[in-house]
Amino acid sequence: MTALARPTHGRVIGGVCAALARRFGTSATTMRVIFLLSCLLPGPQFLLYIALWILLPSEAKARTAW
């Protein structure tokens, strides 16, 4: 597993799904479909996405931190 950081390439909106896909070894498209399907269920999916967008560092910032 890799570190959880939003990639600089391959983002669509904030890079959260791409970061989660890289972390869990799936494709970004699969992770985006899972997120869209989860939006059909009640819950705070959009709030979680926004929170991860704010909390996860960008890949460029994560490299300079190490």
N, C-alpha and C. Protein backbone atom coordinates (compact mmCIF):
# COMPACT_ATOMS: atom_id res chain seq x y z
N MET A 1 0.83 -1.18 0.00
CA MET A 1 0.00 0.00 0.00
C MET A 1 0.88 1.24 0.00
N THR A 2 0.40 2.26 -0.66
CA THR A 2 1.15 3.50 -0.73
C THR A 2 0.58 4.52 0.24
N ALA A 3 1.29 5.62 0.41
CA ALA A 3 0.82 6.68 1.28
C ALA A 3 -0.43 7.32 0.69
N LEU A 4 -1.29 7.81 1.55
CA LEU A 4 -2.54 8.40 1.11
C LEU A 4 -2.31 9.88 0.81
N ALA A 5 -2.20 10.20 -0.48
CA ALA A 5 -2.01 11.58 -0.93
C ALA A 5 -2.70 11.75 -2.27
N ARG A 6 -3.28 12.93 -2.48
CA ARG A 6 -3.98 13.20 -3.74
C ARG A 6 -2.97 13.38 -4.87
N PRO A 7 -3.11 12.60 -5.96
CA PRO A 7 -2.14 12.69 -7.05
C PRO A 7 -2.27 14.00 -7.81
N THR A 8 -1.16 14.41 -8.43
CA THR A 8 -1.20 15.63 -9.23
C THR A 8 -1.73 15.36 -10.63
N HIS A 9 -1.62 14.13 -11.11
CA HIS A 9 -2.13 13.74 -12.42
C HIS A 9 -3.21 12.70 -12.24
N GLY A 10 -4.24 12.75 -13.08
CA GLY A 10 -5.31 11.77 -13.02
C GLY A 10 -6.47 12.18 -12.14
N ARG A 11 -6.50 13.42 -11.70
CA ARG A 11 -7.61 13.90 -10.89
C ARG A 11 -8.79 14.26 -11.80
N VAL A 12 -9.97 14.18 -11.25
CA VAL A 12 -11.14 14.69 -11.95
C VAL A 12 -11.62 15.94 -11.23
N ILE A 13 -11.93 15.84 -9.95
CA ILE A 13 -12.35 17.02 -9.20
C ILE A 13 -11.26 17.36 -8.18
N GLY A 14 -11.14 16.56 -7.15
CA GLY A 14 -10.16 16.86 -6.12
C GLY A 14 -9.06 15.83 -5.99
N GLY A 15 -9.22 14.70 -6.64
CA GLY A 15 -8.22 13.65 -6.56
C GLY A 15 -8.42 12.68 -5.41
N VAL A 16 -9.54 12.80 -4.71
CA VAL A 16 -9.79 11.92 -3.57
C VAL A 16 -10.00 10.48 -4.02
N CYS A 17 -10.82 10.27 -5.03
CA CYS A 17 -11.07 8.91 -5.52
C CYS A 17 -9.80 8.30 -6.10
N ALA A 18 -8.99 9.09 -6.78
CA ALA A 18 -7.74 8.60 -7.34
C ALA A 18 -6.77 8.22 -6.22
N ALA A 19 -6.75 8.99 -5.14
CA ALA A 19 -5.87 8.67 -4.01
C ALA A 19 -6.32 7.39 -3.31
N LEU A 20 -7.63 7.24 -3.11
CA LEU A 20 -8.14 6.03 -2.48
C LEU A 20 -7.92 4.81 -3.37
N ALA A 21 -8.07 4.98 -4.68
CA ALA A 21 -7.85 3.88 -5.62
C ALA A 21 -6.40 3.43 -5.59
N ARG A 22 -5.49 4.38 -5.56
CA ARG A 22 -4.06 4.04 -5.50
C ARG A 22 -3.73 3.34 -4.19
N ARG A 23 -4.33 3.81 -3.10
CA ARG A 23 -4.08 3.24 -1.78
C ARG A 23 -4.54 1.78 -1.68
N PHE A 24 -5.72 1.48 -2.27
CA PHE A 24 -6.29 0.15 -2.16
C PHE A 24 -6.04 -0.72 -3.38
N GLY A 25 -5.29 -0.23 -4.36
CA GLY A 25 -4.89 -1.05 -5.49
C GLY A 25 -5.98 -1.31 -6.52
N THR A 26 -6.91 -0.39 -6.68
CA THR A 26 -7.94 -0.52 -7.70
C THR A 26 -7.78 0.61 -8.70
N SER A 27 -8.61 0.61 -9.73
CA SER A 27 -8.54 1.70 -10.70
C SER A 27 -9.34 2.89 -10.18
N ALA A 28 -8.99 4.06 -10.66
CA ALA A 28 -9.69 5.27 -10.24
C ALA A 28 -11.14 5.25 -10.73
N THR A 29 -11.37 4.67 -11.90
CA THR A 29 -12.73 4.58 -12.42
C THR A 29 -13.60 3.73 -11.52
N THR A 30 -13.06 2.63 -11.04
CA THR A 30 -13.81 1.75 -10.13
C THR A 30 -14.17 2.50 -8.85
N MET A 31 -13.22 3.24 -8.32
CA MET A 31 -13.47 3.98 -7.09
C MET A 31 -14.51 5.08 -7.31
N ARG A 32 -14.48 5.72 -8.46
CA ARG A 32 -15.48 6.76 -8.77
C ARG A 32 -16.87 6.16 -8.90
N VAL A 33 -16.97 4.98 -9.51
CA VAL A 33 -18.27 4.31 -9.64
C VAL A 33 -18.79 3.91 -8.27
N ILE A 34 -17.92 3.40 -7.41
CA ILE A 34 -18.32 3.04 -6.05
C ILE A 34 -18.82 4.27 -5.31
N PHE A 35 -18.13 5.40 -5.47
CA PHE A 35 -18.57 6.62 -4.80
C PHE A 35 -19.92 7.08 -5.32
N LEU A 36 -20.11 7.04 -6.63
CA LEU A 36 -21.39 7.45 -7.20
C LEU A 36 -22.53 6.54 -6.76
N LEU A 37 -22.27 5.25 -6.69
CA LEU A 37 -23.29 4.32 -6.21
C LEU A 37 -23.59 4.54 -4.73
N SER A 38 -22.58 4.91 -3.96
CA SER A 38 -22.82 5.16 -2.54
C SER A 38 -23.65 6.42 -2.32
N CYS A 39 -23.64 7.32 -3.29
CA CYS A 39 -24.46 8.54 -3.17
C CYS A 39 -25.95 8.23 -3.27
N LEU A 40 -26.30 7.04 -3.76
CA LEU A 40 -27.71 6.65 -3.80
C LEU A 40 -28.22 6.26 -2.41
N LEU A 41 -27.31 5.96 -1.51
CA LEU A 41 -27.66 5.60 -0.14
C LEU A 41 -27.68 6.86 0.73
N PRO A 42 -28.48 6.86 1.78
CA PRO A 42 -28.46 8.02 2.68
C PRO A 42 -27.15 8.06 3.46
N GLY A 43 -26.67 9.26 3.69
CA GLY A 43 -25.44 9.40 4.46
C GLY A 43 -24.66 10.63 4.03
N PRO A 44 -23.57 10.89 4.71
CA PRO A 44 -22.78 12.10 4.48
C PRO A 44 -21.65 11.91 3.47
N GLN A 45 -21.91 11.27 2.33
CA GLN A 45 -20.85 10.98 1.37
C GLN A 45 -20.18 12.25 0.86
N PHE A 46 -20.95 13.26 0.51
CA PHE A 46 -20.36 14.49 -0.02
C PHE A 46 -19.55 15.22 1.04
N LEU A 47 -20.02 15.19 2.28
CA LEU A 47 -19.26 15.83 3.35
C LEU A 47 -17.94 15.09 3.60
N LEU A 48 -17.98 13.77 3.52
CA LEU A 48 -16.76 12.99 3.68
C LEU A 48 -15.78 13.27 2.55
N TYR A 49 -16.29 13.38 1.31
CA TYR A 49 -15.43 13.69 0.17
C TYR A 49 -14.77 15.06 0.36
N ILE A 50 -15.53 16.05 0.77
CA ILE A 50 -14.99 17.39 0.98
C ILE A 50 -13.97 17.39 2.12
N ALA A 51 -14.25 16.65 3.18
CA ALA A 51 -13.31 16.57 4.30
C ALA A 51 -12.00 15.91 3.87
N LEU A 52 -12.09 14.84 3.08
CA LEU A 52 -10.86 14.20 2.59
C LEU A 52 -10.11 15.11 1.62
N TRP A 53 -10.83 15.88 0.83
CA TRP A 53 -10.21 16.82 -0.10
C TRP A 53 -9.38 17.84 0.68
N ILE A 54 -9.92 18.28 1.81
CA ILE A 54 -9.22 19.28 2.62
C ILE A 54 -8.07 18.64 3.41
N LEU A 55 -8.30 17.46 3.96
CA LEU A 55 -7.32 16.85 4.87
C LEU A 55 -6.18 16.12 4.18
N LEU A 56 -6.44 15.52 3.02
CA LEU A 56 -5.37 14.78 2.33
C LEU A 56 -4.41 15.75 1.66
N PRO A 57 -3.14 15.56 1.87
CA PRO A 57 -2.18 16.46 1.22
C PRO A 57 -2.07 16.14 -0.27
N SER A 58 -1.68 17.12 -1.03
CA SER A 58 -1.40 16.90 -2.44
C SER A 58 -0.11 16.09 -2.55
N GLU A 59 0.04 15.36 -3.63
CA GLU A 59 1.21 14.52 -3.81
C GLU A 59 2.50 15.34 -3.78
N ALA A 60 2.46 16.52 -4.35
CA ALA A 60 3.65 17.37 -4.37
C ALA A 60 4.02 17.82 -2.95
N LYS A 61 3.02 18.15 -2.14
CA LYS A 61 3.29 18.57 -0.76
C LYS A 61 3.74 17.39 0.09
N ALA A 62 3.21 16.20 -0.19
CA ALA A 62 3.60 15.01 0.58
C ALA A 62 5.05 14.64 0.31
N ARG A 63 5.51 14.85 -0.92
CA ARG A 63 6.92 14.55 -1.25
C ARG A 63 7.87 15.48 -0.51
N THR A 64 7.51 16.76 -0.43
CA THR A 64 8.40 17.72 0.23
C THR A 64 8.39 17.55 1.74
N ALA A 65 7.33 16.96 2.29
CA ALA A 65 7.25 16.77 3.73
C ALA A 65 8.20 15.65 4.18
N TRP A 66 8.49 14.68 3.32
CA TRP A 66 9.36 13.57 3.69
C TRP A 66 10.75 13.95 3.35
